Amino acid sequence: MKQPQKLLIDWIAEVCSPEEVKWLEEEEKKLRSQGNERDLVLAFSKVPRKITQKDLNIGPEESREAQALKKNWHPENLDSQQAARILLLLSFASEKPEEFLGTVEKLLETADLNEQIAIYSALPLFPYPEKFLQLAYDGTRSNATSVFDTITLENPYPYEHFSEEAYNRLVLKAAFMERPFWKIVGIPDRANPVLADLLLDLVSERWSAGREVNPLVWKLITPALTEDRFREFKTRAKQMGAINEEAVALAYEQHKNPSTPNSQKWENLHKKWETQIHT
């Protein structure tokens, strides 16, 4: 099996010039052999000048290689500069694991948006990933949507390391911010009654203000959908439109028959929602 560094350099080499790849390989070699924190910081900051920003060619075969290396790792959205920075981070980490957390914290103190995205994208690949838990928690509090999305969406780190309370907060914030929370790794596997109650409160608040919520949220509310709540929200949904009525009914159906996932029905409902908000 290839290591992440090998995958990354192969993907970068497909879209960047030989001169750019040569620079990156030399920096990686330096970090592996005698590199120190200063070498990493300098190379990290030079990436935009040394590596042209291009989309990576991540097709089905590359995705399979990534999944074989790290389950639920999704490099499809990385560009060449982000991949180069991740490569540098991993090269330093492999030689200086005891220093790595402190080095990453220092990088984040002065990191621009693109640098932050690269660091948080690399979280699931870091050695001793549990050491970076507080750093990940702090990142989810970012006001930058792109940083929040990097940690939250299609990133296995929260699923594997966040406590239930922290994971619930993450899903709730994603739904509140109207981010595509269904792309959070672990949904619906980590759905739980506490999260269901939190999301039900969110729906109630939004509906009281005459605002809709993506109907897929009801898929996570099913553990909390008692008979009384079903009757209440069934009535309220009539004021919010047919899609919301369908979502409440489907959630109740799943609550009564939890062994039946109704995946196709949820997918169809989501398509209706997407069509509605784009017309």
Protein backbone atom coordinates (compact mmCIF):
# COMPACT_ATOMS: atom_id res chain seq x y z
CA MET A 1 0.00 0.00 0.00
CA LYS A 2 1.28 3.48 -0.85
CA GLN A 3 1.95 5.98 1.92
CA PRO A 4 0.08 9.31 1.72
CA GLN A 5 3.28 11.15 0.76
CA LYS A 6 3.70 8.91 -2.29
CA LEU A 7 0.09 9.39 -3.36
CA LEU A 8 0.33 13.14 -2.95
CA ILE A 9 3.55 13.53 -4.95
CA ASP A 10 2.14 11.32 -7.72
CA TRP A 11 -1.02 13.43 -7.93
CA ILE A 12 0.95 16.68 -7.91
CA ALA A 13 3.31 15.40 -10.61
CA GLU A 14 0.35 14.81 -12.92
CA VAL A 15 -0.58 18.50 -13.00
CA CYS A 16 2.63 20.40 -12.20
CA SER A 17 5.89 20.88 -14.08
CA PRO A 18 8.99 18.72 -13.45
CA GLU A 19 10.74 21.79 -11.98
CA GLU A 20 7.97 22.30 -9.46
CA VAL A 21 7.95 18.65 -8.49
CA LYS A 22 11.76 18.67 -8.16
CA TRP A 23 11.60 21.57 -5.69
CA LEU A 24 8.94 19.78 -3.65
CA GLU A 25 10.87 16.51 -3.59
CA GLU A 26 14.01 18.32 -2.46
CA GLU A 27 12.15 20.03 0.37
CA GLU A 28 10.57 16.74 1.40
CA LYS A 29 13.97 15.04 1.42
CA LYS A 30 15.41 17.84 3.55
CA LEU A 31 12.61 17.55 6.08
CA ARG A 32 13.03 13.79 6.26
CA SER A 33 16.77 13.84 6.70
CA GLN A 34 17.70 16.87 8.76
CA GLY A 35 14.76 19.19 8.65
CA ASN A 36 13.83 21.36 11.57
CA GLU A 37 10.83 23.52 12.33
CA ARG A 38 12.30 26.53 10.53
CA ASP A 39 12.76 24.48 7.33
CA LEU A 40 9.10 23.44 7.44
CA VAL A 41 7.85 26.99 8.06
CA LEU A 42 9.91 28.36 5.18
CA ALA A 43 8.89 25.64 2.73
CA PHE A 44 5.25 25.92 3.81
CA SER A 45 5.22 29.65 3.07
CA LYS A 46 7.01 29.24 -0.28
CA VAL A 47 4.44 26.86 -1.76
CA PRO A 48 2.42 29.53 -3.65
CA ARG A 49 5.60 30.77 -5.33
CA LYS A 50 6.94 27.31 -6.14
CA ILE A 51 3.81 25.29 -6.99
CA THR A 52 1.19 26.39 -9.50
CA GLN A 53 -2.31 26.12 -8.11
CA LYS A 54 -4.20 23.50 -10.11
CA ASP A 55 -6.97 21.01 -9.44
CA LEU A 56 -5.73 17.47 -8.91
CA ASN A 57 -6.91 14.71 -11.22
CA ILE A 58 -8.57 12.56 -8.59
CA GLY A 59 -10.60 9.93 -10.43
CA PRO A 60 -12.15 6.66 -9.25
CA GLU A 61 -8.81 4.84 -9.11
CA GLU A 62 -7.16 7.59 -7.08
CA SER A 63 -10.15 7.69 -4.74
CA ARG A 64 -9.88 3.93 -4.19
CA GLU A 65 -6.19 4.32 -3.34
CA ALA A 66 -7.02 7.08 -0.88
CA GLN A 67 -9.77 4.98 0.74
CA ALA A 68 -7.42 2.00 1.00
CA LEU A 69 -4.93 4.18 2.82
CA LYS A 70 -7.39 5.96 5.10
CA LYS A 71 -11.07 5.10 5.29
CA ASN A 72 -13.33 8.07 4.53
CA TRP A 73 -10.42 10.23 3.36
CA HIS A 74 -11.67 12.41 0.48
CA PRO A 75 -8.82 14.20 -1.34
CA GLU A 76 -11.04 15.00 -4.33
CA ASN A 77 -11.31 18.68 -3.42
CA LEU A 78 -7.60 19.28 -2.84
CA ASP A 79 -5.63 21.48 -5.22
CA SER A 80 -1.91 21.13 -5.95
CA GLN A 81 -0.84 23.75 -3.39
CA GLN A 82 -2.89 22.21 -0.59
CA ALA A 83 -1.54 18.77 -1.47
CA ALA A 84 2.03 20.12 -1.44
CA ARG A 85 1.57 21.65 2.00
CA ILE A 86 0.08 18.42 3.34
CA LEU A 87 3.06 16.53 1.90
CA LEU A 88 5.48 18.85 3.70
CA LEU A 89 3.58 18.50 6.98
CA LEU A 90 3.58 14.71 6.81
CA SER A 91 7.26 14.58 5.89
CA PHE A 92 8.17 16.65 8.94
CA ALA A 93 5.78 14.69 11.16
CA SER A 94 7.33 11.34 10.23
CA GLU A 95 10.72 12.48 11.55
CA LYS A 96 9.71 14.77 14.43
CA PRO A 97 6.47 13.35 15.86
CA GLU A 98 7.25 14.61 19.37
CA GLU A 99 7.55 18.20 18.09
CA PHE A 100 4.78 18.11 15.55
CA LEU A 101 1.79 19.32 17.59
CA GLY A 102 3.64 22.42 18.76
CA THR A 103 4.84 23.13 15.22
CA VAL A 104 1.32 22.89 13.79
CA GLU A 105 0.01 25.21 16.50
CA LYS A 106 2.69 27.76 15.59
CA LEU A 107 1.84 27.49 11.90
CA LEU A 108 -1.83 28.15 12.63
CA GLU A 109 -1.02 31.31 14.60
CA THR A 110 0.03 33.09 11.41
CA ALA A 111 -1.63 30.92 8.74
CA ASP A 112 -3.69 32.52 6.01
CA LEU A 113 -6.94 30.93 4.87
CA ASN A 114 -5.36 28.56 2.35
CA GLU A 115 -2.74 27.44 4.86
CA GLN A 116 -5.43 26.74 7.46
CA ILE A 117 -7.38 24.67 4.97
CA ALA A 118 -4.30 22.59 4.15
CA ILE A 119 -3.57 21.94 7.83
CA TYR A 120 -7.12 20.95 8.72
CA SER A 121 -7.41 18.80 5.59
CA ALA A 122 -4.40 16.82 6.82
CA LEU A 123 -5.79 16.10 10.30
CA PRO A 124 -6.89 12.50 9.59
CA LEU A 125 -3.42 11.68 8.22
CA PHE A 126 -1.40 13.04 11.14
CA PRO A 127 0.46 10.61 13.42
CA TYR A 128 -1.06 10.43 16.92
CA PRO A 129 -4.20 12.21 15.66
CA GLU A 130 -5.80 12.23 19.12
CA LYS A 131 -3.24 14.86 20.18
CA PHE A 132 -4.83 17.34 17.77
CA LEU A 133 -8.31 17.17 19.26
CA GLN A 134 -8.29 20.60 20.89
CA LEU A 135 -6.86 22.11 17.73
CA ALA A 136 -9.72 20.58 15.74
CA TYR A 137 -12.29 21.82 18.26
CA ASP A 138 -10.87 25.33 17.95
CA GLY A 139 -11.03 25.12 14.16
CA THR A 140 -14.75 24.36 14.20
CA ARG A 141 -15.28 27.72 15.94
CA SER A 142 -13.79 29.56 12.97
CA ASN A 143 -15.87 32.29 11.38
CA ALA A 144 -14.46 31.29 7.99
CA THR A 145 -16.95 28.96 6.33
CA SER A 146 -14.24 27.32 4.22
CA VAL A 147 -12.26 26.39 7.34
CA PHE A 148 -15.35 25.06 9.09
CA ASP A 149 -16.26 23.01 6.01
CA THR A 150 -12.74 21.58 5.78
CA ILE A 151 -12.96 20.11 9.26
CA THR A 152 -16.63 19.21 9.12
CA LEU A 153 -17.49 17.88 5.66
CA GLU A 154 -16.11 14.62 4.23
CA ASN A 155 -13.39 14.63 6.88
CA PRO A 156 -13.15 11.45 9.00
CA TYR A 157 -11.44 13.19 11.91
CA PRO A 158 -14.57 14.34 13.83
CA TYR A 159 -16.25 10.96 13.35
CA GLU A 160 -13.24 9.09 14.70
CA HIS A 161 -12.18 11.40 17.52
CA PHE A 162 -14.90 13.84 18.64
CA SER A 163 -16.90 13.05 21.75
CA GLU A 164 -20.64 12.65 21.30
CA GLU A 165 -21.21 16.13 22.72
CA ALA A 166 -18.67 17.72 20.37
CA TYR A 167 -19.96 15.77 17.39
CA ASN A 168 -23.52 16.87 18.16
CA ARG A 169 -22.43 20.51 18.34
CA LEU A 170 -20.70 20.13 14.99
CA VAL A 171 -23.79 18.75 13.26
CA LEU A 172 -26.02 21.36 14.88
CA LYS A 173 -23.74 24.20 13.79
CA ALA A 174 -23.57 22.83 10.24
CA ALA A 175 -27.37 22.67 10.06
CA PHE A 176 -27.67 26.15 11.60
CA MET A 177 -25.18 27.57 9.08
CA GLU A 178 -27.08 25.81 6.26
CA ARG A 179 -24.02 23.81 5.30
CA PRO A 180 -24.49 20.35 3.65
CA PHE A 181 -24.47 18.50 6.98
CA TRP A 182 -25.31 15.20 5.27
CA LYS A 183 -21.68 15.17 4.08
CA ILE A 184 -20.42 14.87 7.65
CA VAL A 185 -18.75 11.50 8.03
CA GLY A 186 -20.74 9.31 10.40
CA ILE A 187 -24.20 10.57 9.52
CA PRO A 188 -26.57 8.93 10.21
CA ASP A 189 -24.53 6.29 12.13
CA ARG A 190 -23.79 8.65 15.03
CA ALA A 191 -27.34 10.00 15.25
CA ASN A 192 -28.49 9.94 18.85
CA PRO A 193 -31.42 11.18 20.96
CA VAL A 194 -29.58 14.25 22.27
CA LEU A 195 -28.69 15.37 18.75
CA ALA A 196 -32.28 14.70 17.67
CA ASP A 197 -33.61 16.97 20.43
CA LEU A 198 -31.16 19.73 19.50
CA LEU A 199 -32.14 19.58 15.84
CA LEU A 200 -35.84 19.48 16.68
CA ASP A 201 -35.38 22.69 18.68
CA LEU A 202 -33.63 24.24 15.68
CA VAL A 203 -36.49 23.29 13.36
CA SER A 204 -39.01 24.67 15.84
CA GLU A 205 -37.18 27.99 16.07
CA ARG A 206 -36.81 28.30 12.30
CA TRP A 207 -40.42 27.41 11.63
CA SER A 208 -41.61 29.89 14.25
CA ALA A 209 -39.72 32.55 12.31
CA GLY A 210 -41.25 31.36 9.04
CA ARG A 211 -37.94 29.94 7.83
CA GLU A 212 -37.42 26.48 6.39
CA VAL A 213 -34.71 23.94 7.20
CA ASN A 214 -33.26 21.36 4.83
CA PRO A 215 -35.69 18.42 5.17
CA LEU A 216 -32.82 15.93 5.54
CA VAL A 217 -32.48 17.16 9.10
CA TRP A 218 -35.57 15.09 9.89
CA LYS A 219 -33.60 11.94 9.13
CA LEU A 220 -31.56 12.70 12.26
CA ILE A 221 -34.59 13.71 14.33
CA THR A 222 -36.24 10.28 14.17
CA PRO A 223 -34.91 9.09 17.58
CA ALA A 224 -36.78 11.93 19.30
CA LEU A 225 -40.01 11.80 17.33
CA THR A 226 -42.58 10.70 19.90
CA GLU A 227 -46.28 10.44 19.10
CA ASP A 228 -46.97 13.84 20.64
CA ARG A 229 -44.13 15.51 18.78
CA PHE A 230 -45.19 13.91 15.53
CA ARG A 231 -48.72 15.26 15.88
CA GLU A 232 -47.40 18.73 16.79
CA PHE A 233 -44.97 18.99 13.89
CA LYS A 234 -47.33 17.34 11.44
CA THR A 235 -49.74 20.18 12.12
CA ARG A 236 -47.04 22.84 11.95
CA ALA A 237 -45.61 21.40 8.74
CA LYS A 238 -48.85 22.19 6.92
CA GLN A 239 -47.95 25.87 7.26
CA MET A 240 -44.46 25.25 5.85
CA GLY A 241 -45.29 23.46 2.61
CA ALA A 242 -45.58 19.99 1.12
CA ILE A 243 -41.87 19.09 1.34
CA ASN A 244 -41.87 19.67 5.08
CA GLU A 245 -45.03 17.62 5.51
CA GLU A 246 -43.41 14.80 3.59
CA ALA A 247 -40.23 15.06 5.70
CA VAL A 248 -42.13 14.82 9.00
CA ALA A 249 -44.14 11.84 7.74
CA LEU A 250 -41.03 10.08 6.49
CA ALA A 251 -39.21 10.68 9.78
CA TYR A 252 -42.13 9.22 11.70
CA GLU A 253 -42.24 6.22 9.37
CA GLN A 254 -38.55 5.62 10.04
CA HIS A 255 -39.07 6.11 13.78
CA LYS A 256 -41.70 3.36 13.76
CA ASN A 257 -39.60 1.09 11.50
CA PRO A 258 -35.92 1.89 12.26
CA SER A 259 -34.66 -1.20 10.43
CA THR A 260 -35.99 0.24 7.16
CA PRO A 261 -33.60 3.06 6.09
CA ASN A 262 -35.81 4.50 3.30
CA SER A 263 -32.67 5.82 1.62
CA GLN A 264 -34.29 6.32 -1.77
CA LYS A 265 -37.20 8.24 -0.27
CA TRP A 266 -34.82 10.57 1.55
CA GLU A 267 -32.79 11.06 -1.61
CA ASN A 268 -35.93 11.92 -3.60
CA LEU A 269 -37.01 14.35 -0.90
CA HIS A 270 -33.62 16.06 -0.98
CA LYS A 271 -33.84 16.41 -4.78
CA LYS A 272 -37.23 18.08 -4.42
CA TRP A 273 -35.72 20.48 -1.88
CA GLU A 274 -32.79 21.31 -4.16
CA THR A 275 -35.16 21.96 -7.04
CA GLN A 276 -37.32 24.22 -4.86
CA ILE A 277 -34.51 26.42 -3.56
CA HIS A 278 -32.99 26.85 -7.04
CA THR A 279 -36.20 27.92 -8.74
